[in-house]
Amino acid sequence: MRRQPISEADLERQLLRRSVSSLHADRLCCDRCRRTPLVGEVVYRYARGRTLCALCSPRRREQPVASIPVRHGEEIRAQRLTPRV
């Protein structure tokens, strides 16, 4: 089977969709209210893998296992160059 050549506009759309989907998959969100916490806000992780935002966590009686500050997306993806030894 021969594939038809893809137009430049269609290729751009596909690449944009793929990149937005990967950014969305990496994003933290609250398991209760589905809200995406703001940069600088604290997100709480609980024993069974639940992640709750600062607004929903006071409703839980148990203590969180970890508290994670939400960082900017560029800060997460930044890489440091280290000199070779």
N, C-alpha and C. Protein backbone atom coordinates (compact mmCIF):
# COMPACT_ATOMS: atom_id res chain seq x y z
N MET A 1 0.83 -1.18 0.00
CA MET A 1 0.00 0.00 0.00
C MET A 1 0.88 1.24 0.00
N ARG A 2 0.46 2.21 -0.75
CA ARG A 2 1.16 3.49 -0.80
C ARG A 2 0.46 4.48 0.10
N ARG A 3 1.24 5.19 0.84
CA ARG A 3 0.67 6.24 1.69
C ARG A 3 0.65 7.54 0.91
N GLN A 4 -0.39 8.28 1.13
CA GLN A 4 -0.49 9.59 0.49
C GLN A 4 0.37 10.56 1.27
N PRO A 5 1.05 11.47 0.58
CA PRO A 5 1.87 12.45 1.31
C PRO A 5 0.98 13.35 2.15
N ILE A 6 1.47 13.65 3.33
CA ILE A 6 0.72 14.49 4.26
C ILE A 6 1.07 15.96 3.98
N SER A 7 0.08 16.80 4.06
CA SER A 7 0.33 18.22 3.81
C SER A 7 1.06 18.84 5.02
N GLU A 8 1.67 19.96 4.78
CA GLU A 8 2.42 20.64 5.84
C GLU A 8 1.50 21.08 6.98
N ALA A 9 0.32 21.56 6.65
CA ALA A 9 -0.64 22.00 7.67
C ALA A 9 -1.10 20.83 8.54
N ASP A 10 -1.36 19.67 7.91
CA ASP A 10 -1.76 18.49 8.69
C ASP A 10 -0.64 18.00 9.59
N LEU A 11 0.58 18.05 9.10
CA LEU A 11 1.73 17.65 9.90
C LEU A 11 1.88 18.56 11.12
N GLU A 12 1.74 19.87 10.92
CA GLU A 12 1.82 20.82 12.03
C GLU A 12 0.75 20.55 13.06
N ARG A 13 -0.48 20.27 12.60
CA ARG A 13 -1.58 19.97 13.53
C ARG A 13 -1.29 18.71 14.34
N GLN A 14 -0.79 17.68 13.70
CA GLN A 14 -0.49 16.43 14.40
C GLN A 14 0.61 16.63 15.43
N LEU A 15 1.64 17.37 15.07
CA LEU A 15 2.72 17.63 16.02
C LEU A 15 2.24 18.46 17.20
N LEU A 16 1.39 19.44 16.95
CA LEU A 16 0.84 20.27 18.03
C LEU A 16 -0.01 19.43 18.97
N ARG A 17 -0.88 18.59 18.41
CA ARG A 17 -1.72 17.72 19.26
C ARG A 17 -0.88 16.79 20.12
N ARG A 18 0.14 16.21 19.52
CA ARG A 18 1.00 15.29 20.25
C ARG A 18 1.73 16.00 21.39
N SER A 19 2.22 17.20 21.15
CA SER A 19 2.96 17.92 22.20
C SER A 19 2.03 18.38 23.32
N VAL A 20 0.82 18.83 22.98
CA VAL A 20 -0.14 19.24 24.01
C VAL A 20 -0.56 18.04 24.84
N SER A 21 -0.76 16.89 24.20
CA SER A 21 -1.14 15.68 24.93
C SER A 21 -0.05 15.25 25.91
N SER A 22 1.21 15.35 25.50
CA SER A 22 2.30 14.96 26.40
C SER A 22 2.42 15.93 27.56
N LEU A 23 2.18 17.22 27.34
CA LEU A 23 2.20 18.19 28.44
C LEU A 23 1.06 17.93 29.41
N HIS A 24 -0.09 17.59 28.87
CA HIS A 24 -1.26 17.32 29.72
C HIS A 24 -1.05 16.07 30.55
N ALA A 25 -0.39 15.08 30.02
CA ALA A 25 -0.15 13.84 30.75
C ALA A 25 0.81 14.04 31.92
N ASP A 26 1.75 14.98 31.79
CA ASP A 26 2.72 15.23 32.85
C ASP A 26 2.18 16.12 33.97
N ARG A 27 1.05 16.73 33.75
CA ARG A 27 0.53 17.72 34.68
C ARG A 27 -0.07 17.07 35.92
N LEU A 28 0.13 17.68 37.08
CA LEU A 28 -0.50 17.23 38.31
C LEU A 28 -1.94 17.71 38.33
N CYS A 29 -2.84 16.89 38.85
CA CYS A 29 -4.21 17.36 39.08
C CYS A 29 -4.75 16.65 40.31
N CYS A 30 -5.72 17.28 40.92
CA CYS A 30 -6.34 16.75 42.14
C CYS A 30 -7.25 15.58 41.77
N ASP A 31 -7.15 14.48 42.51
CA ASP A 31 -7.98 13.31 42.24
C ASP A 31 -9.44 13.52 42.67
N ARG A 32 -9.69 14.49 43.52
CA ARG A 32 -11.05 14.72 44.01
C ARG A 32 -11.80 15.73 43.15
N CYS A 33 -11.22 16.93 42.95
CA CYS A 33 -11.93 17.98 42.23
C CYS A 33 -11.46 18.15 40.79
N ARG A 34 -10.39 17.43 40.40
CA ARG A 34 -9.83 17.48 39.05
C ARG A 34 -9.24 18.84 38.68
N ARG A 35 -9.01 19.67 39.67
CA ARG A 35 -8.43 21.00 39.43
C ARG A 35 -6.93 20.88 39.25
N THR A 36 -6.37 21.69 38.36
CA THR A 36 -4.93 21.74 38.19
C THR A 36 -4.39 22.80 39.14
N PRO A 37 -3.56 22.44 40.11
CA PRO A 37 -3.04 23.41 41.08
C PRO A 37 -2.15 24.45 40.40
N LEU A 38 -2.12 25.63 40.98
CA LEU A 38 -1.31 26.72 40.46
C LEU A 38 0.16 26.52 40.82
N VAL A 39 1.03 27.18 40.09
CA VAL A 39 2.47 27.13 40.37
C VAL A 39 2.69 27.71 41.76
N GLY A 40 3.45 27.02 42.60
CA GLY A 40 3.72 27.47 43.97
C GLY A 40 2.79 26.86 45.00
N GLU A 41 1.66 26.33 44.56
CA GLU A 41 0.72 25.68 45.46
C GLU A 41 1.28 24.32 45.88
N VAL A 42 0.82 23.80 47.00
CA VAL A 42 1.29 22.51 47.50
C VAL A 42 0.24 21.45 47.22
N VAL A 43 0.70 20.30 46.74
CA VAL A 43 -0.15 19.15 46.46
C VAL A 43 0.25 18.06 47.45
N TYR A 44 -0.73 17.32 47.96
CA TYR A 44 -0.48 16.31 48.97
C TYR A 44 -0.72 14.91 48.41
N ARG A 45 0.22 14.00 48.67
CA ARG A 45 0.09 12.59 48.26
C ARG A 45 -0.27 11.77 49.49
N TYR A 46 -1.19 10.83 49.29
CA TYR A 46 -1.64 9.97 50.37
C TYR A 46 -1.24 8.53 50.10
N ALA A 47 -1.46 7.67 51.08
CA ALA A 47 -0.94 6.30 51.08
C ALA A 47 -1.37 5.48 49.86
N ARG A 48 -2.56 5.59 49.40
CA ARG A 48 -3.03 4.77 48.29
C ARG A 48 -2.78 5.42 46.93
N GLY A 49 -1.85 6.36 46.87
CA GLY A 49 -1.49 6.99 45.61
C GLY A 49 -2.38 8.15 45.21
N ARG A 50 -3.30 8.54 46.08
CA ARG A 50 -4.17 9.68 45.77
C ARG A 50 -3.39 10.97 45.89
N THR A 51 -3.69 11.90 45.03
CA THR A 51 -3.08 13.22 45.04
C THR A 51 -4.20 14.23 45.22
N LEU A 52 -4.09 15.06 46.26
CA LEU A 52 -5.12 16.06 46.54
C LEU A 52 -4.50 17.45 46.61
N CYS A 53 -5.26 18.44 46.16
CA CYS A 53 -4.80 19.83 46.20
C CYS A 53 -4.95 20.37 47.62
N ALA A 54 -4.47 21.57 47.83
CA ALA A 54 -4.52 22.20 49.16
C ALA A 54 -5.96 22.48 49.59
N LEU A 55 -6.88 22.63 48.66
CA LEU A 55 -8.28 22.89 49.00
C LEU A 55 -9.02 21.62 49.44
N CYS A 56 -8.65 20.48 48.88
CA CYS A 56 -9.35 19.23 49.17
C CYS A 56 -8.71 18.43 50.31
N SER A 57 -7.45 18.67 50.61
CA SER A 57 -6.77 17.85 51.62
C SER A 57 -7.30 18.04 53.04
N PRO A 58 -7.81 19.21 53.46
CA PRO A 58 -8.36 19.30 54.83
C PRO A 58 -9.55 18.39 55.07
N ARG A 59 -10.20 17.90 54.04
CA ARG A 59 -11.36 17.01 54.20
C ARG A 59 -10.95 15.59 54.54
N ARG A 60 -9.68 15.25 54.36
CA ARG A 60 -9.17 13.91 54.69
C ARG A 60 -8.73 13.89 56.15
N ARG A 61 -8.99 12.81 56.83
CA ARG A 61 -8.59 12.68 58.23
C ARG A 61 -7.16 12.19 58.36
N GLU A 62 -6.72 11.35 57.42
CA GLU A 62 -5.36 10.80 57.51
C GLU A 62 -4.32 11.84 57.11
N GLN A 63 -3.12 11.62 57.57
CA GLN A 63 -2.01 12.51 57.26
C GLN A 63 -1.42 12.16 55.89
N PRO A 64 -1.01 13.16 55.13
CA PRO A 64 -0.40 12.86 53.83
C PRO A 64 0.98 12.23 53.98
N VAL A 65 1.35 11.42 53.00
CA VAL A 65 2.66 10.78 52.98
C VAL A 65 3.72 11.79 52.55
N ALA A 66 3.36 12.66 51.61
CA ALA A 66 4.31 13.66 51.10
C ALA A 66 3.56 14.91 50.68
N SER A 67 4.25 16.03 50.74
CA SER A 67 3.71 17.28 50.22
C SER A 67 4.67 17.77 49.14
N ILE A 68 4.12 18.09 47.98
CA ILE A 68 4.93 18.42 46.82
C ILE A 68 4.55 19.82 46.34
N PRO A 69 5.52 20.74 46.28
CA PRO A 69 5.21 22.06 45.70
C PRO A 69 5.10 21.95 44.18
N VAL A 70 4.12 22.60 43.61
CA VAL A 70 3.92 22.57 42.16
C VAL A 70 4.94 23.52 41.54
N ARG A 71 5.69 22.99 40.58
CA ARG A 71 6.71 23.80 39.92
C ARG A 71 6.27 24.16 38.52
N HIS A 72 6.93 25.15 37.97
CA HIS A 72 6.65 25.59 36.61
C HIS A 72 7.09 24.51 35.64
N GLY A 73 6.39 24.33 34.54
CA GLY A 73 6.69 23.29 33.57
C GLY A 73 8.08 23.39 33.00
N GLU A 74 8.56 24.59 32.75
CA GLU A 74 9.91 24.75 32.21
C GLU A 74 10.96 24.37 33.24
N GLU A 75 10.67 24.60 34.50
CA GLU A 75 11.61 24.24 35.57
C GLU A 75 11.76 22.73 35.67
N ILE A 76 10.67 22.01 35.44
CA ILE A 76 10.71 20.56 35.52
C ILE A 76 11.53 19.98 34.37
N ARG A 77 11.36 20.55 33.19
CA ARG A 77 12.02 20.03 32.00
C ARG A 77 13.45 20.52 31.82
N ALA A 78 13.86 21.47 32.64
CA ALA A 78 15.22 22.01 32.51
C ALA A 78 16.25 20.94 32.83
N GLN A 79 17.32 20.94 32.09
CA GLN A 79 18.39 19.97 32.32
C GLN A 79 19.68 20.72 32.58
N ARG A 80 20.45 20.20 33.47
CA ARG A 80 21.75 20.80 33.76
C ARG A 80 22.82 20.09 32.96
N LEU A 81 23.72 20.87 32.43
CA LEU A 81 24.86 20.29 31.75
C LEU A 81 25.96 20.09 32.77
N THR A 82 26.46 18.88 32.86
CA THR A 82 27.54 18.60 33.80
C THR A 82 28.79 18.25 33.03
N PRO A 83 29.93 18.75 33.48
CA PRO A 83 31.17 18.44 32.77
C PRO A 83 31.53 16.97 32.91
N ARG A 84 32.13 16.41 31.88
CA ARG A 84 32.58 15.02 31.94
C ARG A 84 33.76 14.90 32.87
N VAL A 85 33.80 13.79 33.58
CA VAL A 85 34.87 13.56 34.53
C VAL A 85 36.04 12.90 33.86
